[in-house]
Amino acid sequence: MNHIKNKQWICGNSYKKRILLENLKEKVNLIEDIIIEPKGIVPPHKHKHTDEIFYITENSAVMIVENKEFKVNPGDVIYIEKNEEHGFRNDSSKEFKMIVLKMNFIKGDSYLGDAQ
């Protein structure tokens, strides 16, 4: 198992994430800690190779899956298969937090669903 010693935050437009573990020798080969800022979004996107498991840890948000919206809450676990469009919208005034386990992850394996 390859632990990351310097867990730097990677910032997007309205979210940030950090890699907790990578290069695992199992099917789950990347684990991330993600925070979506108040009123922030992660736009709907897809992965060609990567399946994801989202574990919601703090506050609620709206998850968009294939153009359908669902409220997600702490303790919820959501499985998204490769090529399934998904995103998040944090309508609240608090940070939304989750842990993401990525299976069969390949760097750069993400694209906006509407752009392809």
Protein backbone atom coordinates (compact mmCIF):
# COMPACT_ATOMS: atom_id res chain seq x y z
CA MET A 1 0.00 0.00 0.00
CA ASN A 2 1.34 3.42 -0.95
CA HIS A 3 0.46 6.06 1.63
CA ILE A 4 0.66 9.71 0.59
CA LYS A 5 2.89 11.61 3.01
CA ASN A 6 2.11 15.12 1.79
CA LYS A 7 -1.67 15.25 1.42
CA GLN A 8 -2.00 18.48 -0.57
CA TRP A 9 -5.41 19.82 -1.51
CA ILE A 10 -6.14 20.05 -5.25
CA CYS A 11 -8.54 22.92 -5.91
CA GLY A 12 -11.26 23.12 -8.56
CA ASN A 13 -13.66 26.00 -9.19
CA SER A 14 -15.88 25.32 -6.17
CA TYR A 15 -14.46 22.17 -4.64
CA LYS A 16 -11.21 20.72 -3.38
CA LYS A 17 -9.91 17.19 -3.02
CA ARG A 18 -6.87 15.37 -1.75
CA ILE A 19 -5.62 11.90 -2.47
CA LEU A 20 -5.52 9.78 0.67
CA LEU A 21 -4.18 6.56 -0.86
CA GLU A 22 -3.08 5.65 -4.36
CA ASN A 23 -1.38 2.85 -6.28
CA LEU A 24 -3.15 0.22 -4.24
CA LYS A 25 -2.69 -3.29 -5.59
CA GLU A 26 -6.37 -4.07 -5.29
CA LYS A 27 -9.32 -3.12 -7.49
CA VAL A 28 -9.80 0.07 -5.42
CA ASN A 29 -6.71 1.97 -6.51
CA LEU A 30 -7.42 5.56 -5.41
CA ILE A 31 -9.12 7.05 -2.35
CA GLU A 32 -9.91 10.77 -2.17
CA ASP A 33 -11.25 13.18 0.44
CA ILE A 34 -13.51 15.77 -1.27
CA ILE A 35 -15.02 19.03 -0.02
CA ILE A 36 -17.56 21.00 -2.06
CA GLU A 37 -17.79 24.61 -0.98
CA PRO A 38 -21.12 26.24 -0.01
CA LYS A 39 -23.16 26.89 -3.19
CA GLY A 40 -20.47 24.97 -5.15
CA ILE A 41 -20.85 22.36 -7.87
CA VAL A 42 -19.00 19.47 -9.42
CA PRO A 43 -20.46 19.49 -12.94
CA PRO A 44 -21.94 16.29 -14.38
CA HIS A 45 -19.18 14.16 -15.90
CA LYS A 46 -18.32 10.55 -16.75
CA HIS A 47 -15.36 8.20 -16.50
CA LYS A 48 -14.55 5.71 -19.27
CA HIS A 49 -12.83 3.17 -16.99
CA THR A 50 -13.46 4.19 -13.39
CA ASP A 51 -16.24 3.01 -11.06
CA GLU A 52 -16.70 5.10 -7.90
CA ILE A 53 -18.11 4.63 -4.43
CA PHE A 54 -19.07 7.85 -2.62
CA TYR A 55 -19.35 7.84 1.19
CA ILE A 56 -21.01 11.02 2.46
CA THR A 57 -19.37 12.21 5.69
CA GLU A 58 -20.68 15.70 6.45
CA ASN A 59 -23.75 17.78 5.51
CA SER A 60 -26.19 17.21 2.65
CA ALA A 61 -26.07 17.98 -1.07
CA VAL A 62 -27.82 17.19 -4.32
CA MET A 63 -26.31 14.43 -6.43
CA ILE A 64 -27.15 14.39 -10.12
CA VAL A 65 -27.07 10.94 -11.78
CA GLU A 66 -28.08 10.63 -15.44
CA ASN A 67 -30.09 13.93 -15.21
CA LYS A 68 -31.97 12.83 -12.06
CA GLU A 69 -31.45 14.65 -8.75
CA PHE A 70 -31.17 12.95 -5.33
CA LYS A 71 -30.52 14.39 -1.88
CA VAL A 72 -27.54 12.70 -0.24
CA ASN A 73 -26.86 12.78 3.51
CA PRO A 74 -24.11 11.74 5.94
CA GLY A 75 -23.80 7.96 6.05
CA ASP A 76 -25.11 7.47 2.50
CA VAL A 77 -23.07 5.25 0.19
CA ILE A 78 -23.53 5.63 -3.58
CA TYR A 79 -22.04 3.41 -6.29
CA ILE A 80 -21.51 4.91 -9.77
CA GLU A 81 -20.46 2.69 -12.68
CA LYS A 82 -18.11 3.77 -15.46
CA ASN A 83 -19.84 5.82 -18.20
CA GLU A 84 -22.61 6.83 -15.78
CA GLU A 85 -22.94 10.62 -15.75
CA HIS A 86 -22.83 12.13 -12.24
CA GLY A 87 -22.16 15.37 -10.40
CA PHE A 88 -22.93 17.25 -7.17
CA ARG A 89 -24.49 20.57 -6.17
CA ASN A 90 -24.12 21.98 -2.67
CA ASP A 91 -27.09 24.32 -2.16
CA SER A 92 -26.29 24.91 1.53
CA SER A 93 -24.15 27.46 3.35
CA LYS A 94 -21.90 24.70 4.78
CA GLU A 95 -19.10 22.64 3.26
CA PHE A 96 -20.22 19.24 1.92
CA LYS A 97 -17.73 16.42 2.56
CA MET A 98 -17.30 12.90 1.23
CA ILE A 99 -14.76 10.12 0.72
CA VAL A 100 -14.49 8.62 -2.78
CA LEU A 101 -13.11 5.16 -3.55
CA LYS A 102 -12.13 4.80 -7.20
CA MET A 103 -11.90 1.39 -8.84
CA ASN A 104 -9.88 0.79 -12.02
CA PHE A 105 -8.81 4.44 -11.88
CA ILE A 106 -6.66 5.75 -14.73
CA LYS A 107 -5.30 9.30 -14.47
CA GLY A 108 -7.18 11.65 -16.82
CA ASP A 109 -10.21 9.32 -17.00
CA SER A 110 -12.86 12.00 -16.71
CA TYR A 111 -14.85 13.99 -19.23
CA LEU A 112 -17.87 16.24 -19.16
CA GLY A 113 -20.91 14.21 -20.14
CA ASP A 114 -22.40 16.85 -22.43
CA ALA A 115 -19.07 17.59 -24.11
CA GLN A 116 -18.65 14.10 -25.62
